[in-house]
Amino acid sequence: MKETDFLPLRISVLVVSDTRTAETDTSGKTLAERLTQAGHTLSEKCFVPDDIYQIRAVLSRWIVDPAVDIVLTTGGTGLTGRDGTPEAAKPLFDKLIEGFGEMFRRVSYEEISTSTIQSRVTAGVANGTYIFCLPGSSGACRTGWDKILAEQLDIRSLPCNFAEILPRLNEN
């Protein structure tokens, strides 16, 4: 069997928050650091308030940009009135990746017990771009990256991974 070379992916990070700034953000910083340490490229990082339409506008811009393979969002996945990231992202999805939320809550349970049930983590494919919506805490971002995304976005991970099927997402 031929060994596959690492394939660096182009990843954008969206921080959804009414209060965080570039100076106070820890979650987006955690994701940006981890993805670059893994050998991927940070395409762009930006901040938007917890507003469905502003979130959707940035996601829409990125899913039509050929320089973006993956979008990671952090924040807005809880249950409060202002948490709207899943509602912003889901209408854009061509396909929902149901197992992502299930797996996140399973691995998160080991760290925060039943509190994980409050997370509405979601993921999908939109116009050939993966979108992964993570909670706003840096701990949850570490969990999502370290226990799921790092492996799934590495083309060398076997038996299969998100990276290897990326070129086929827009097949007809």
N, C-alpha and C. Protein backbone atom coordinates (compact mmCIF):
# COMPACT_ATOMS: atom_id res chain seq x y z
N MET A 1 0.84 -1.18 0.00
CA MET A 1 0.00 0.00 0.00
C MET A 1 0.88 1.24 0.00
N LYS A 2 0.55 2.22 -0.84
CA LYS A 2 1.32 3.45 -0.96
C LYS A 2 1.01 4.38 0.21
N GLU A 3 2.05 4.94 0.81
CA GLU A 3 1.86 5.89 1.89
C GLU A 3 1.51 7.25 1.29
N THR A 4 0.51 7.90 1.85
CA THR A 4 0.04 9.18 1.35
C THR A 4 0.78 10.32 2.04
N ASP A 5 1.12 11.34 1.28
CA ASP A 5 1.73 12.54 1.85
C ASP A 5 0.66 13.40 2.51
N PHE A 6 1.07 14.16 3.51
CA PHE A 6 0.16 15.08 4.17
C PHE A 6 -0.39 16.08 3.15
N LEU A 7 -1.67 16.39 3.25
CA LEU A 7 -2.32 17.37 2.38
C LEU A 7 -2.78 18.54 3.24
N PRO A 8 -2.10 19.70 3.14
CA PRO A 8 -2.54 20.85 3.93
C PRO A 8 -3.85 21.40 3.37
N LEU A 9 -4.80 21.60 4.25
CA LEU A 9 -6.10 22.15 3.87
C LEU A 9 -6.16 23.64 4.22
N ARG A 10 -7.02 24.34 3.51
CA ARG A 10 -7.19 25.79 3.74
C ARG A 10 -8.44 25.97 4.60
N ILE A 11 -8.22 26.47 5.81
CA ILE A 11 -9.27 26.50 6.82
C ILE A 11 -9.51 27.94 7.29
N SER A 12 -10.79 28.33 7.31
CA SER A 12 -11.19 29.63 7.85
C SER A 12 -11.86 29.42 9.20
N VAL A 13 -11.67 30.39 10.11
CA VAL A 13 -12.23 30.32 11.45
C VAL A 13 -13.14 31.52 11.68
N LEU A 14 -14.36 31.23 12.10
CA LEU A 14 -15.35 32.26 12.41
C LEU A 14 -15.67 32.22 13.89
N VAL A 15 -15.40 33.32 14.59
CA VAL A 15 -15.72 33.44 16.01
C VAL A 15 -17.06 34.17 16.12
N VAL A 16 -18.04 33.49 16.69
CA VAL A 16 -19.38 34.05 16.85
C VAL A 16 -19.53 34.48 18.31
N SER A 17 -19.62 35.78 18.53
CA SER A 17 -19.71 36.30 19.90
C SER A 17 -20.15 37.75 19.90
N ASP A 18 -20.94 38.10 20.89
CA ASP A 18 -21.33 39.49 21.08
C ASP A 18 -20.30 40.27 21.89
N THR A 19 -19.36 39.54 22.52
CA THR A 19 -18.44 40.20 23.44
C THR A 19 -16.96 40.01 23.12
N ARG A 20 -16.59 38.96 22.44
CA ARG A 20 -15.16 38.69 22.22
C ARG A 20 -14.59 39.53 21.09
N THR A 21 -13.33 39.86 21.27
CA THR A 21 -12.57 40.61 20.27
C THR A 21 -11.29 39.84 19.98
N ALA A 22 -10.50 40.34 19.05
CA ALA A 22 -9.21 39.69 18.75
C ALA A 22 -8.34 39.60 20.00
N GLU A 23 -8.48 40.58 20.89
CA GLU A 23 -7.66 40.61 22.11
C GLU A 23 -8.17 39.63 23.17
N THR A 24 -9.49 39.41 23.24
CA THR A 24 -10.05 38.58 24.31
C THR A 24 -10.44 37.18 23.86
N ASP A 25 -10.37 36.91 22.59
CA ASP A 25 -10.74 35.60 22.06
C ASP A 25 -9.74 34.53 22.44
N THR A 26 -10.23 33.41 22.97
CA THR A 26 -9.36 32.27 23.23
C THR A 26 -9.75 31.08 22.34
N SER A 27 -11.01 30.94 22.01
CA SER A 27 -11.49 29.79 21.24
C SER A 27 -11.00 29.81 19.80
N GLY A 28 -11.20 30.94 19.12
CA GLY A 28 -10.71 31.05 17.74
C GLY A 28 -9.20 30.94 17.68
N LYS A 29 -8.55 31.51 18.69
CA LYS A 29 -7.09 31.42 18.77
C LYS A 29 -6.65 29.97 18.93
N THR A 30 -7.36 29.22 19.77
CA THR A 30 -7.05 27.81 19.97
C THR A 30 -7.16 27.05 18.66
N LEU A 31 -8.25 27.26 17.92
CA LEU A 31 -8.43 26.57 16.64
C LEU A 31 -7.36 26.97 15.63
N ALA A 32 -7.08 28.27 15.54
CA ALA A 32 -6.06 28.74 14.58
C ALA A 32 -4.70 28.14 14.90
N GLU A 33 -4.34 28.11 16.18
CA GLU A 33 -3.05 27.54 16.57
C GLU A 33 -2.98 26.05 16.25
N ARG A 34 -4.03 25.33 16.58
CA ARG A 34 -4.01 23.89 16.36
C ARG A 34 -3.98 23.53 14.88
N LEU A 35 -4.74 24.23 14.07
CA LEU A 35 -4.76 23.88 12.65
C LEU A 35 -3.44 24.21 11.97
N THR A 36 -2.81 25.31 12.36
CA THR A 36 -1.51 25.64 11.76
C THR A 36 -0.42 24.71 12.29
N GLN A 37 -0.47 24.34 13.56
CA GLN A 37 0.50 23.38 14.10
C GLN A 37 0.39 22.03 13.40
N ALA A 38 -0.84 21.71 12.95
CA ALA A 38 -1.04 20.44 12.24
C ALA A 38 -0.56 20.51 10.79
N GLY A 39 -0.21 21.71 10.31
CA GLY A 39 0.29 21.85 8.95
C GLY A 39 -0.71 22.42 7.95
N HIS A 40 -1.91 22.75 8.44
CA HIS A 40 -2.92 23.36 7.57
C HIS A 40 -2.69 24.87 7.48
N THR A 41 -3.42 25.51 6.57
CA THR A 41 -3.30 26.95 6.36
C THR A 41 -4.53 27.66 6.90
N LEU A 42 -4.32 28.71 7.69
CA LEU A 42 -5.42 29.56 8.14
C LEU A 42 -5.73 30.54 7.01
N SER A 43 -6.84 30.32 6.32
CA SER A 43 -7.22 31.18 5.20
C SER A 43 -7.67 32.56 5.68
N GLU A 44 -8.50 32.56 6.71
CA GLU A 44 -9.03 33.82 7.24
C GLU A 44 -9.62 33.53 8.61
N LYS A 45 -9.61 34.54 9.45
CA LYS A 45 -10.27 34.46 10.75
C LYS A 45 -11.04 35.75 10.92
N CYS A 46 -12.31 35.64 11.30
CA CYS A 46 -13.06 36.87 11.55
C CYS A 46 -14.06 36.67 12.68
N PHE A 47 -14.61 37.78 13.12
CA PHE A 47 -15.53 37.82 14.24
C PHE A 47 -16.87 38.39 13.78
N VAL A 48 -17.96 37.78 14.23
CA VAL A 48 -19.30 38.33 13.98
C VAL A 48 -20.10 38.19 15.27
N PRO A 49 -21.07 39.07 15.47
CA PRO A 49 -21.93 38.93 16.64
C PRO A 49 -22.88 37.74 16.46
N ASP A 50 -23.54 37.36 17.54
CA ASP A 50 -24.53 36.29 17.50
C ASP A 50 -25.76 36.78 16.73
N ASP A 51 -25.64 36.81 15.44
CA ASP A 51 -26.72 37.25 14.56
C ASP A 51 -26.77 36.29 13.37
N ILE A 52 -27.86 35.60 13.21
CA ILE A 52 -27.99 34.56 12.19
C ILE A 52 -27.59 35.07 10.80
N TYR A 53 -28.01 36.26 10.45
CA TYR A 53 -27.77 36.76 9.09
C TYR A 53 -26.33 37.18 8.88
N GLN A 54 -25.68 37.72 9.90
CA GLN A 54 -24.27 38.05 9.76
C GLN A 54 -23.41 36.78 9.71
N ILE A 55 -23.79 35.78 10.50
CA ILE A 55 -23.08 34.50 10.46
C ILE A 55 -23.23 33.89 9.07
N ARG A 56 -24.46 33.84 8.59
CA ARG A 56 -24.74 33.23 7.29
C ARG A 56 -24.03 33.97 6.16
N ALA A 57 -23.91 35.29 6.27
CA ALA A 57 -23.23 36.08 5.23
C ALA A 57 -21.76 35.67 5.11
N VAL A 58 -21.09 35.51 6.25
CA VAL A 58 -19.68 35.12 6.21
C VAL A 58 -19.55 33.68 5.70
N LEU A 59 -20.38 32.79 6.20
CA LEU A 59 -20.34 31.40 5.72
C LEU A 59 -20.58 31.33 4.22
N SER A 60 -21.55 32.09 3.74
CA SER A 60 -21.87 32.10 2.30
C SER A 60 -20.68 32.59 1.48
N ARG A 61 -20.00 33.60 1.98
CA ARG A 61 -18.82 34.11 1.27
C ARG A 61 -17.73 33.04 1.19
N TRP A 62 -17.52 32.34 2.29
CA TRP A 62 -16.46 31.34 2.32
C TRP A 62 -16.79 30.10 1.51
N ILE A 63 -18.05 29.69 1.45
CA ILE A 63 -18.35 28.46 0.72
C ILE A 63 -18.30 28.64 -0.80
N VAL A 64 -18.25 29.87 -1.26
CA VAL A 64 -18.07 30.10 -2.71
C VAL A 64 -16.63 30.45 -3.05
N ASP A 65 -15.79 30.56 -2.03
CA ASP A 65 -14.39 30.90 -2.22
C ASP A 65 -13.57 29.63 -2.44
N PRO A 66 -12.97 29.45 -3.64
CA PRO A 66 -12.19 28.23 -3.87
C PRO A 66 -10.94 28.13 -3.00
N ALA A 67 -10.58 29.21 -2.30
CA ALA A 67 -9.41 29.19 -1.42
C ALA A 67 -9.76 28.71 -0.01
N VAL A 68 -11.01 28.28 0.21
CA VAL A 68 -11.44 27.78 1.52
C VAL A 68 -11.97 26.36 1.35
N ASP A 69 -11.34 25.41 2.05
CA ASP A 69 -11.79 24.01 2.03
C ASP A 69 -12.68 23.69 3.22
N ILE A 70 -12.36 24.30 4.35
CA ILE A 70 -13.01 23.98 5.63
C ILE A 70 -13.34 25.28 6.34
N VAL A 71 -14.49 25.29 7.02
CA VAL A 71 -14.84 26.40 7.90
C VAL A 71 -15.07 25.84 9.30
N LEU A 72 -14.43 26.45 10.27
CA LEU A 72 -14.65 26.12 11.67
C LEU A 72 -15.29 27.32 12.33
N THR A 73 -16.44 27.13 12.96
CA THR A 73 -17.03 28.21 13.73
C THR A 73 -16.91 27.86 15.20
N THR A 74 -16.83 28.88 16.03
CA THR A 74 -16.83 28.69 17.47
C THR A 74 -17.78 29.70 18.08
N GLY A 75 -18.72 29.18 18.87
CA GLY A 75 -19.70 30.03 19.53
C GLY A 75 -21.09 29.92 18.91
N GLY A 76 -22.08 30.23 19.73
CA GLY A 76 -23.46 30.28 19.25
C GLY A 76 -24.13 28.93 19.12
N THR A 77 -23.59 27.89 19.76
CA THR A 77 -24.19 26.55 19.63
C THR A 77 -24.96 26.12 20.88
N GLY A 78 -25.13 27.03 21.82
CA GLY A 78 -25.83 26.69 23.06
C GLY A 78 -27.34 26.85 22.92
N LEU A 79 -27.99 27.04 24.06
CA LEU A 79 -29.45 27.07 24.10
C LEU A 79 -30.04 28.45 24.38
N THR A 80 -29.19 29.45 24.62
CA THR A 80 -29.74 30.75 24.96
C THR A 80 -30.38 31.42 23.74
N GLY A 81 -31.12 32.46 24.00
CA GLY A 81 -31.84 33.15 22.93
C GLY A 81 -30.95 33.69 21.83
N ARG A 82 -29.73 34.07 22.14
CA ARG A 82 -28.82 34.63 21.14
C ARG A 82 -28.03 33.57 20.39
N ASP A 83 -28.05 32.32 20.83
CA ASP A 83 -27.28 31.26 20.17
C ASP A 83 -27.98 30.83 18.89
N GLY A 84 -27.37 31.17 17.75
CA GLY A 84 -28.03 30.88 16.48
C GLY A 84 -27.13 30.31 15.40
N THR A 85 -25.94 29.86 15.75
CA THR A 85 -25.05 29.36 14.71
C THR A 85 -25.63 28.17 13.95
N PRO A 86 -26.22 27.16 14.63
CA PRO A 86 -26.80 26.06 13.84
C PRO A 86 -27.91 26.54 12.89
N GLU A 87 -28.72 27.47 13.34
CA GLU A 87 -29.79 27.99 12.49
C GLU A 87 -29.23 28.77 11.30
N ALA A 88 -28.08 29.40 11.49
CA ALA A 88 -27.45 30.13 10.38
C ALA A 88 -26.82 29.17 9.38
N ALA A 89 -26.22 28.10 9.87
CA ALA A 89 -25.46 27.20 9.00
C ALA A 89 -26.32 26.16 8.29
N LYS A 90 -27.26 25.58 8.98
CA LYS A 90 -28.00 24.44 8.43
C LYS A 90 -28.70 24.72 7.10
N PRO A 91 -29.30 25.90 6.88
CA PRO A 91 -29.92 26.13 5.58
C PRO A 91 -28.92 26.14 4.42
N LEU A 92 -27.64 26.34 4.71
CA LEU A 92 -26.61 26.34 3.67
C LEU A 92 -26.13 24.93 3.33
N PHE A 93 -26.36 23.97 4.22
CA PHE A 93 -25.84 22.62 4.04
C PHE A 93 -26.52 21.91 2.88
N ASP A 94 -25.71 21.30 2.03
CA ASP A 94 -26.22 20.36 1.03
C ASP A 94 -26.40 18.99 1.67
N LYS A 95 -25.51 18.69 2.62
CA LYS A 95 -25.58 17.44 3.37
C LYS A 95 -25.20 17.72 4.82
N LEU A 96 -25.96 17.13 5.72
CA LEU A 96 -25.69 17.22 7.15
C LEU A 96 -24.77 16.06 7.55
N ILE A 97 -23.76 16.34 8.35
CA ILE A 97 -22.88 15.29 8.87
C ILE A 97 -23.36 14.99 10.29
N GLU A 98 -24.38 14.19 10.41
CA GLU A 98 -25.02 13.92 11.70
C GLU A 98 -24.05 13.33 12.72
N GLY A 99 -23.16 12.48 12.27
CA GLY A 99 -22.24 11.82 13.19
C GLY A 99 -21.29 12.76 13.90
N PHE A 100 -21.06 13.95 13.34
CA PHE A 100 -20.13 14.88 13.99
C PHE A 100 -20.65 15.32 15.35
N GLY A 101 -21.89 15.77 15.40
CA GLY A 101 -22.47 16.19 16.68
C GLY A 101 -22.56 15.05 17.67
N GLU A 102 -22.94 13.87 17.15
CA GLU A 102 -23.02 12.70 18.02
C GLU A 102 -21.65 12.36 18.61
N MET A 103 -20.64 12.36 17.77
CA MET A 103 -19.28 12.02 18.23
C MET A 103 -18.76 13.08 19.20
N PHE A 104 -19.02 14.36 18.88
CA PHE A 104 -18.55 15.42 19.76
C PHE A 104 -19.14 15.26 21.16
N ARG A 105 -20.44 15.03 21.24
CA ARG A 105 -21.07 14.88 22.55
C ARG A 105 -20.55 13.64 23.27
N ARG A 106 -20.25 12.58 22.54
CA ARG A 106 -19.69 11.38 23.17
C ARG A 106 -18.33 11.65 23.78
N VAL A 107 -17.42 12.27 23.02
CA VAL A 107 -16.08 12.52 23.57
C VAL A 107 -16.11 13.64 24.61
N SER A 108 -17.03 14.58 24.45
CA SER A 108 -17.16 15.66 25.42
C SER A 108 -17.70 15.16 26.76
N TYR A 109 -18.51 14.14 26.72
CA TYR A 109 -19.08 13.56 27.95
C TYR A 109 -17.97 13.13 28.91
N GLU A 110 -16.87 12.63 28.36
CA GLU A 110 -15.75 12.21 29.19
C GLU A 110 -15.16 13.38 29.97
N GLU A 111 -15.33 14.60 29.48
CA GLU A 111 -14.75 15.78 30.11
C GLU A 111 -15.75 16.57 30.95
N ILE A 112 -16.98 16.70 30.47
CA ILE A 112 -17.94 17.58 31.17
C ILE A 112 -19.24 16.87 31.56
N SER A 113 -19.25 15.55 31.47
CA SER A 113 -20.40 14.73 31.87
C SER A 113 -21.66 15.14 31.10
N THR A 114 -22.78 15.14 31.77
CA THR A 114 -24.05 15.37 31.08
C THR A 114 -24.24 16.80 30.58
N SER A 115 -23.39 17.71 30.97
CA SER A 115 -23.50 19.09 30.46
C SER A 115 -23.37 19.13 28.94
N THR A 116 -22.78 18.12 28.35
CA THR A 116 -22.60 18.07 26.90
C THR A 116 -23.93 18.05 26.15
N ILE A 117 -25.00 17.66 26.83
CA ILE A 117 -26.31 17.59 26.18
C ILE A 117 -26.80 18.99 25.77
N GLN A 118 -26.23 20.03 26.37
CA GLN A 118 -26.63 21.40 26.04
C GLN A 118 -25.99 21.91 24.75
N SER A 119 -25.08 21.15 24.18
CA SER A 119 -24.38 21.58 22.97
C SER A 119 -25.13 21.18 21.72
N ARG A 120 -25.31 22.14 20.83
CA ARG A 120 -25.96 21.88 19.55
C ARG A 120 -24.93 21.90 18.42
N VAL A 121 -23.76 21.31 18.70
CA VAL A 121 -22.70 21.18 17.71
C VAL A 121 -23.27 20.53 16.46
N THR A 122 -22.87 21.06 15.30
CA THR A 122 -23.37 20.51 14.05
C THR A 122 -22.29 20.63 12.98
N ALA A 123 -22.49 19.93 11.89
CA ALA A 123 -21.55 20.01 10.76
C ALA A 123 -22.28 19.62 9.49
N GLY A 124 -21.73 20.09 8.39
CA GLY A 124 -22.31 19.73 7.10
C GLY A 124 -21.38 20.10 5.97
N VAL A 125 -21.84 19.80 4.77
CA VAL A 125 -21.13 20.14 3.54
C VAL A 125 -21.98 21.16 2.79
N ALA A 126 -21.37 22.25 2.38
CA ALA A 126 -22.06 23.30 1.63
C ALA A 126 -21.19 23.67 0.43
N ASN A 127 -21.68 23.41 -0.75
CA ASN A 127 -20.95 23.75 -1.99
C ASN A 127 -19.52 23.19 -1.98
N GLY A 128 -19.38 21.97 -1.51
CA GLY A 128 -18.07 21.32 -1.50
C GLY A 128 -17.14 21.78 -0.39
N THR A 129 -17.66 22.53 0.57
CA THR A 129 -16.89 23.03 1.71
C THR A 129 -17.45 22.42 2.99
N TYR A 130 -16.57 21.90 3.83
CA TYR A 130 -17.01 21.41 5.12
C TYR A 130 -17.20 22.59 6.07
N ILE A 131 -18.27 22.53 6.87
CA ILE A 131 -18.51 23.51 7.93
C ILE A 131 -18.71 22.73 9.22
N PHE A 132 -17.88 23.06 10.24
CA PHE A 132 -17.98 22.44 11.55
C PHE A 132 -18.27 23.53 12.56
N CYS A 133 -19.41 23.44 13.25
CA CYS A 133 -19.83 24.45 14.22
C CYS A 133 -19.58 23.92 15.63
N LEU A 134 -18.59 24.53 16.29
CA LEU A 134 -18.17 24.13 17.63
C LEU A 134 -18.65 25.13 18.68
N PRO A 135 -18.70 24.71 19.96
CA PRO A 135 -19.07 25.64 21.03
C PRO A 135 -18.04 26.77 21.19
N GLY A 136 -18.40 27.74 22.00
CA GLY A 136 -17.56 28.91 22.19
C GLY A 136 -16.48 28.79 23.22
N SER A 137 -16.42 27.70 23.96
CA SER A 137 -15.36 27.59 24.97
C SER A 137 -14.09 27.03 24.34
N SER A 138 -12.96 27.50 24.82
CA SER A 138 -11.70 27.00 24.27
C SER A 138 -11.52 25.52 24.59
N GLY A 139 -12.04 25.06 25.72
CA GLY A 139 -11.97 23.64 26.06
C GLY A 139 -12.73 22.79 25.05
N ALA A 140 -13.91 23.25 24.66
CA ALA A 140 -14.70 22.52 23.66
C ALA A 140 -14.01 22.54 22.30
N CYS A 141 -13.35 23.65 21.97
CA CYS A 141 -12.61 23.72 20.70
C CYS A 141 -11.44 22.75 20.72
N ARG A 142 -10.75 22.67 21.85
CA ARG A 142 -9.65 21.70 21.97
C ARG A 142 -10.18 20.28 21.80
N THR A 143 -11.30 19.98 22.45
CA THR A 143 -11.91 18.65 22.34
C THR A 143 -12.27 18.35 20.89
N GLY A 144 -12.95 19.27 20.25
CA GLY A 144 -13.37 19.06 18.87
C GLY A 144 -12.20 18.86 17.93
N TRP A 145 -11.16 19.67 18.10
CA TRP A 145 -10.00 19.54 17.22
C TRP A 145 -9.19 18.28 17.57
N ASP A 146 -8.82 18.15 18.84
CA ASP A 146 -7.90 17.08 19.24
C ASP A 146 -8.51 15.68 19.09
N LYS A 147 -9.79 15.56 19.35
CA LYS A 147 -10.39 14.22 19.40
C LYS A 147 -11.17 13.84 18.14
N ILE A 148 -11.41 14.81 17.24
CA ILE A 148 -12.15 14.48 16.02
C ILE A 148 -11.49 15.08 14.78
N LEU A 149 -11.40 16.39 14.75
CA LEU A 149 -11.00 17.07 13.51
C LEU A 149 -9.55 16.84 13.11
N ALA A 150 -8.64 16.82 14.05
CA ALA A 150 -7.22 16.63 13.69
C ALA A 150 -7.05 15.36 12.88
N GLU A 151 -7.69 14.30 13.28
CA GLU A 151 -7.58 13.02 12.58
C GLU A 151 -8.37 13.03 11.27
N GLN A 152 -9.59 13.53 11.32
CA GLN A 152 -10.45 13.50 10.13
C GLN A 152 -9.99 14.45 9.03
N LEU A 153 -9.24 15.48 9.38
CA LEU A 153 -8.73 16.41 8.37
C LEU A 153 -7.31 16.08 7.94
N ASP A 154 -6.81 14.94 8.38
CA ASP A 154 -5.48 14.47 7.97
C ASP A 154 -5.66 13.32 6.99
N ILE A 155 -5.28 13.54 5.76
CA ILE A 155 -5.49 12.55 4.69
C ILE A 155 -4.81 11.22 4.97
N ARG A 156 -3.85 11.22 5.88
CA ARG A 156 -3.12 9.99 6.21
C ARG A 156 -3.87 9.11 7.20
N SER A 157 -4.94 9.62 7.81
CA SER A 157 -5.69 8.84 8.80
C SER A 157 -6.50 7.75 8.12
N LEU A 158 -6.35 6.55 8.63
CA LEU A 158 -7.04 5.40 8.05
C LEU A 158 -8.04 4.84 9.04
N PRO A 159 -9.12 4.23 8.58
CA PRO A 159 -9.33 3.76 7.22
C PRO A 159 -9.91 4.81 6.27
N CYS A 160 -10.51 5.87 6.78
CA CYS A 160 -11.03 6.91 5.89
C CYS A 160 -11.12 8.22 6.66
N ASN A 161 -11.25 9.32 5.94
CA ASN A 161 -11.25 10.63 6.58
C ASN A 161 -11.93 11.66 5.68
N PHE A 162 -12.25 12.81 6.26
CA PHE A 162 -12.89 13.89 5.50
C PHE A 162 -11.97 14.43 4.40
N ALA A 163 -10.68 14.49 4.68
CA ALA A 163 -9.74 15.09 3.73
C ALA A 163 -9.70 14.33 2.41
N GLU A 164 -9.73 13.01 2.47
CA GLU A 164 -9.60 12.22 1.23
C GLU A 164 -10.80 12.35 0.31
N ILE A 165 -11.99 12.62 0.86
CA ILE A 165 -13.15 12.75 -0.02
C ILE A 165 -13.48 14.19 -0.38
N LEU A 166 -12.69 15.13 0.14
CA LEU A 166 -12.91 16.54 -0.18
C LEU A 166 -13.02 16.81 -1.68
N PRO A 167 -12.13 16.27 -2.52
CA PRO A 167 -12.23 16.56 -3.96
C PRO A 167 -13.50 16.00 -4.61
N ARG A 168 -14.18 15.09 -3.94
CA ARG A 168 -15.35 14.44 -4.51
C ARG A 168 -16.67 14.99 -4.00
N LEU A 169 -16.63 16.00 -3.16
CA LEU A 169 -17.86 16.51 -2.54
C LEU A 169 -18.85 17.10 -3.54
N ASN A 170 -18.37 17.63 -4.63
CA ASN A 170 -19.26 18.25 -5.62
C ASN A 170 -19.54 17.36 -6.84
N GLU A 171 -19.28 16.06 -6.70
CA GLU A 171 -19.55 15.15 -7.81
C GLU A 171 -21.05 15.12 -8.14
N ASN A 172 -21.32 14.90 -9.40
CA ASN A 172 -22.72 14.72 -9.84
C ASN A 172 -22.96 13.29 -10.20
